[in-house]
Amino acid sequence: MVEHDALSATRDAYDAAALAYAQLFRDSLRDRPLDRAMLDAFAEVVRASGDGQVADLGCGPGHITAHLDELGLAAFGIDASPEMIKLARQAYPGLRFDVGSMAASDIADGTLAGVLSRWSIIHTPPQELPVILAEFHRVLAPGGHLLLGFSASDDPSHPTQVFDHTVAPAYRWWPDHLATMLRESGLAEVARMVREPQPTDRRQFQEVQLLARKA
């Protein structure tokens, strides 16, 4: 199956790169004030909507999950890579981290106040993305929020573009197209931030963060 092959290849690639990845991104928020601001806003709207649990889906080595915890959220992380989860548990022993898939988690229906997915959907083949978005909708409680981060394509006539991620095959998305897919999944866009590439960025792509809400 396409999904199985893509997920297996991505998991194996991140297992192999887990330690180097964790070292590279451990302090990634330090020089990203706009990213911190979006996470702050996400935490605020989650607290305002009921302050329930928040899942960091595609959590990697857990540094963003830990940041959500510092912001006062009841956050836990899920990642397909066992090696990433191992590193997350070692680095943040007081937090919960589980091996799992974004497409089919064990989270009960409508139980989360928030879902965070930062640059984890980029490895999902375009034809499989509706399944992921439907899963986000399923696990969110009414009024719950999703914060979705991804790399933007640079041509609206090509809503998805393949790019060399180094670790695993990846895709960029035209923001309006992805916002439409969210809406079709029952998640209405609340706000978006588009960050222009900086000279020090490894890849010269726009970075997009979409905040959406389940009706």
Protein backbone atom coordinates (compact mmCIF):
# COMPACT_ATOMS: atom_id res chain seq x y z
CA MET A 1 0.00 0.00 0.00
CA VAL A 2 1.20 3.55 -0.73
CA GLU A 3 0.58 4.80 2.80
CA HIS A 4 2.30 1.81 4.40
CA ASP A 5 5.37 2.11 2.16
CA ALA A 6 5.67 5.87 2.70
CA LEU A 7 5.22 5.60 6.46
CA SER A 8 7.71 2.74 6.75
CA ALA A 9 10.32 4.56 4.68
CA THR A 10 9.88 7.77 6.68
CA ARG A 11 10.02 5.94 10.00
CA ASP A 12 13.19 4.06 9.04
CA ALA A 13 14.84 7.25 7.79
CA TYR A 14 14.10 9.12 11.01
CA ASP A 15 15.20 6.18 13.13
CA ALA A 16 18.57 6.35 11.40
CA ALA A 17 18.85 10.14 11.75
CA ALA A 18 17.25 10.49 15.20
CA LEU A 19 20.30 11.47 17.26
CA ALA A 20 21.64 13.99 14.74
CA TYR A 21 18.15 15.43 14.25
CA ALA A 22 17.63 15.84 18.00
CA GLN A 23 20.94 17.62 18.39
CA LEU A 24 20.25 19.92 15.44
CA PHE A 25 16.76 21.01 16.48
CA ARG A 26 16.90 20.89 20.29
CA ASP A 27 17.23 24.70 20.56
CA SER A 28 15.42 25.53 17.31
CA LEU A 29 12.89 27.85 18.97
CA ARG A 30 15.56 30.05 20.53
CA ASP A 31 16.07 32.20 17.43
CA ARG A 32 12.49 31.95 16.13
CA PRO A 33 10.36 34.54 17.93
CA LEU A 34 7.52 34.24 15.41
CA ASP A 35 7.29 30.49 15.96
CA ARG A 36 7.22 31.05 19.70
CA ALA A 37 4.48 33.63 19.24
CA MET A 38 2.32 31.18 17.27
CA LEU A 39 2.82 28.53 19.93
CA ASP A 40 1.90 31.08 22.60
CA ALA A 41 -1.28 31.97 20.70
CA PHE A 42 -2.11 28.29 20.26
CA ALA A 43 -1.68 27.69 23.99
CA GLU A 44 -3.90 30.66 24.80
CA VAL A 45 -6.81 29.57 22.57
CA VAL A 46 -6.54 26.00 23.87
CA ARG A 47 -6.78 27.21 27.44
CA ALA A 48 -9.73 29.44 26.54
CA SER A 49 -11.61 26.53 24.95
CA GLY A 50 -11.41 24.24 27.96
CA ASP A 51 -7.75 23.54 28.69
CA GLY A 52 -7.83 19.81 27.91
CA GLN A 53 -5.09 17.56 26.60
CA VAL A 54 -2.97 18.49 23.59
CA ALA A 55 -1.29 16.00 21.25
CA ASP A 56 1.95 16.89 19.47
CA LEU A 57 1.62 14.59 16.46
CA GLY A 58 4.94 13.93 14.78
CA CYS A 59 6.70 15.11 17.91
CA GLY A 60 10.19 13.96 16.94
CA PRO A 61 12.63 14.23 19.87
CA GLY A 62 10.04 16.00 22.02
CA HIS A 63 11.43 19.54 22.31
CA ILE A 64 8.23 21.19 21.11
CA THR A 65 6.09 18.97 23.35
CA ALA A 66 8.24 20.14 26.26
CA HIS A 67 7.73 23.75 25.21
CA LEU A 68 3.96 23.26 25.23
CA ASP A 69 4.28 21.84 28.73
CA GLU A 70 6.21 24.95 29.77
CA LEU A 71 3.33 27.02 28.39
CA GLY A 72 1.01 25.25 30.81
CA LEU A 73 -0.62 22.75 28.46
CA ALA A 74 -1.27 19.09 29.25
CA ALA A 75 0.79 17.98 26.27
CA PHE A 76 1.94 14.56 25.11
CA GLY A 77 3.79 13.46 21.99
CA ILE A 78 3.30 10.79 19.34
CA ASP A 79 5.76 9.87 16.60
CA ALA A 80 6.12 6.98 14.16
CA SER A 81 9.85 6.67 14.89
CA PRO A 82 10.70 4.49 17.91
CA GLU A 83 14.16 6.04 18.07
CA MET A 84 12.71 9.54 18.24
CA ILE A 85 10.36 8.47 21.04
CA LYS A 86 13.27 6.87 22.88
CA LEU A 87 15.22 10.14 22.76
CA ALA A 88 12.16 12.16 23.80
CA ARG A 89 11.57 9.95 26.83
CA GLN A 90 15.23 10.26 27.83
CA ALA A 91 15.27 14.04 27.47
CA TYR A 92 11.88 14.71 29.09
CA PRO A 93 11.12 11.85 31.49
CA GLY A 94 8.22 13.69 33.09
CA LEU A 95 6.22 13.81 29.86
CA ARG A 96 4.33 11.13 27.95
CA PHE A 97 5.58 9.99 24.54
CA ASP A 98 4.12 7.15 22.48
CA VAL A 99 4.98 5.45 19.21
CA GLY A 100 2.07 5.81 16.80
CA SER A 101 0.71 7.00 13.48
CA MET A 102 -0.97 10.31 12.72
CA ALA A 103 -3.31 8.48 10.36
CA ALA A 104 -4.67 6.05 12.94
CA SER A 105 -4.00 6.91 16.57
CA ASP A 106 -5.42 5.29 19.68
CA ILE A 107 -6.82 8.62 20.87
CA ALA A 108 -10.55 8.49 21.61
CA ASP A 109 -12.99 10.52 19.53
CA GLY A 110 -13.41 14.18 20.47
CA THR A 111 -11.14 14.15 23.50
CA LEU A 112 -8.39 16.68 22.69
CA ALA A 113 -8.45 20.42 23.22
CA GLY A 114 -5.60 20.83 20.78
CA VAL A 115 -3.51 19.13 18.11
CA LEU A 116 -0.10 20.37 17.05
CA SER A 117 1.44 19.14 13.80
CA ARG A 118 4.65 21.02 12.99
CA TRP A 119 6.23 19.97 9.72
CA SER A 120 5.05 16.38 10.17
CA ILE A 121 2.49 16.28 7.34
CA ILE A 122 5.23 17.17 4.84
CA HIS A 123 6.15 13.50 4.51
CA THR A 124 2.56 12.45 3.74
CA PRO A 125 1.86 11.68 0.06
CA PRO A 126 -0.77 14.15 -1.20
CA GLN A 127 -3.37 11.46 -1.84
CA GLU A 128 -3.08 10.36 1.80
CA LEU A 129 -3.35 13.79 3.42
CA PRO A 130 -7.20 13.81 3.67
CA VAL A 131 -6.92 10.75 5.93
CA ILE A 132 -4.57 12.63 8.25
CA LEU A 133 -6.79 15.72 8.36
CA ALA A 134 -9.83 13.56 9.08
CA GLU A 135 -7.93 12.02 11.99
CA PHE A 136 -7.13 15.48 13.36
CA HIS A 137 -10.83 16.31 13.19
CA ARG A 138 -11.83 13.01 14.82
CA VAL A 139 -9.67 13.39 17.92
CA LEU A 140 -10.42 17.09 18.53
CA ALA A 141 -13.26 18.08 20.80
CA PRO A 142 -15.78 20.61 19.47
CA GLY A 143 -14.09 24.00 19.70
CA GLY A 144 -10.64 22.38 19.77
CA HIS A 145 -7.77 23.91 17.82
CA LEU A 146 -5.20 22.61 15.34
CA LEU A 147 -1.88 24.34 14.67
CA LEU A 148 -0.42 23.03 11.42
CA GLY A 149 3.07 23.89 10.18
CA PHE A 150 4.39 23.16 6.69
CA SER A 151 6.59 24.43 3.89
CA ALA A 152 4.81 26.41 1.18
CA SER A 153 4.91 25.72 -2.52
CA ASP A 154 5.70 28.74 -4.69
CA ASP A 155 3.18 28.20 -7.49
CA PRO A 156 -0.61 28.19 -6.94
CA SER A 157 -1.06 26.17 -10.12
CA HIS A 158 0.91 23.36 -8.41
CA PRO A 159 -0.69 22.94 -4.98
CA THR A 160 1.93 20.35 -4.00
CA GLN A 161 5.60 20.25 -4.89
CA VAL A 162 8.18 17.60 -4.04
CA PHE A 163 11.40 18.79 -2.41
CA ASP A 164 14.61 17.25 -1.12
CA HIS A 165 14.23 17.07 2.65
CA THR A 166 17.46 15.06 3.05
CA VAL A 167 15.93 12.69 5.62
CA ALA A 168 12.86 11.49 3.68
CA PRO A 169 10.77 12.43 0.62
CA ALA A 170 8.70 15.53 1.35
CA TYR A 171 6.08 17.85 -0.09
CA ARG A 172 5.36 21.57 -0.04
CA TRP A 173 1.77 22.86 -0.11
CA TRP A 174 0.10 25.97 -1.47
CA PRO A 175 -1.42 27.53 1.69
CA ASP A 176 -4.86 28.31 0.24
CA HIS A 177 -5.16 24.77 -1.08
CA LEU A 178 -4.35 23.28 2.30
CA ALA A 179 -6.75 25.69 4.03
CA THR A 180 -9.48 24.45 1.69
CA MET A 181 -8.66 20.84 2.57
CA LEU A 182 -8.90 21.71 6.24
CA ARG A 183 -12.30 23.30 5.71
CA GLU A 184 -13.50 20.23 3.83
CA SER A 185 -12.40 18.17 6.84
CA GLY A 186 -14.48 20.29 9.22
CA LEU A 187 -11.64 22.51 10.44
CA ALA A 188 -12.11 26.23 9.82
CA GLU A 189 -9.07 28.46 9.44
CA VAL A 190 -8.74 31.02 12.24
CA ALA A 191 -5.40 32.59 11.36
CA ARG A 192 -2.20 31.99 9.46
CA MET A 193 1.39 33.14 9.65
CA VAL A 194 3.64 33.14 6.59
CA ARG A 195 7.33 33.48 7.35
CA GLU A 196 9.63 34.51 4.54
CA PRO A 197 12.89 32.56 4.20
CA GLN A 198 15.85 34.04 6.00
CA PRO A 199 19.44 34.07 4.69
CA THR A 200 20.47 31.53 7.32
CA ASP A 201 17.66 29.07 6.52
CA ARG A 202 18.76 25.74 5.10
CA ARG A 203 15.94 25.87 2.54
CA GLN A 204 14.66 29.02 0.91
CA PHE A 205 10.96 28.25 1.25
CA GLN A 206 8.16 30.16 2.89
CA GLU A 207 7.09 28.56 6.16
CA VAL A 208 3.37 28.56 6.94
CA GLN A 209 1.52 27.98 10.18
CA LEU A 210 -2.25 27.62 9.98
CA LEU A 211 -4.43 27.80 13.07
CA ALA A 212 -7.79 26.09 12.62
CA ARG A 213 -10.77 25.30 14.83
CA LYS A 214 -13.21 22.41 14.91
CA ALA A 215 -16.76 23.76 14.82
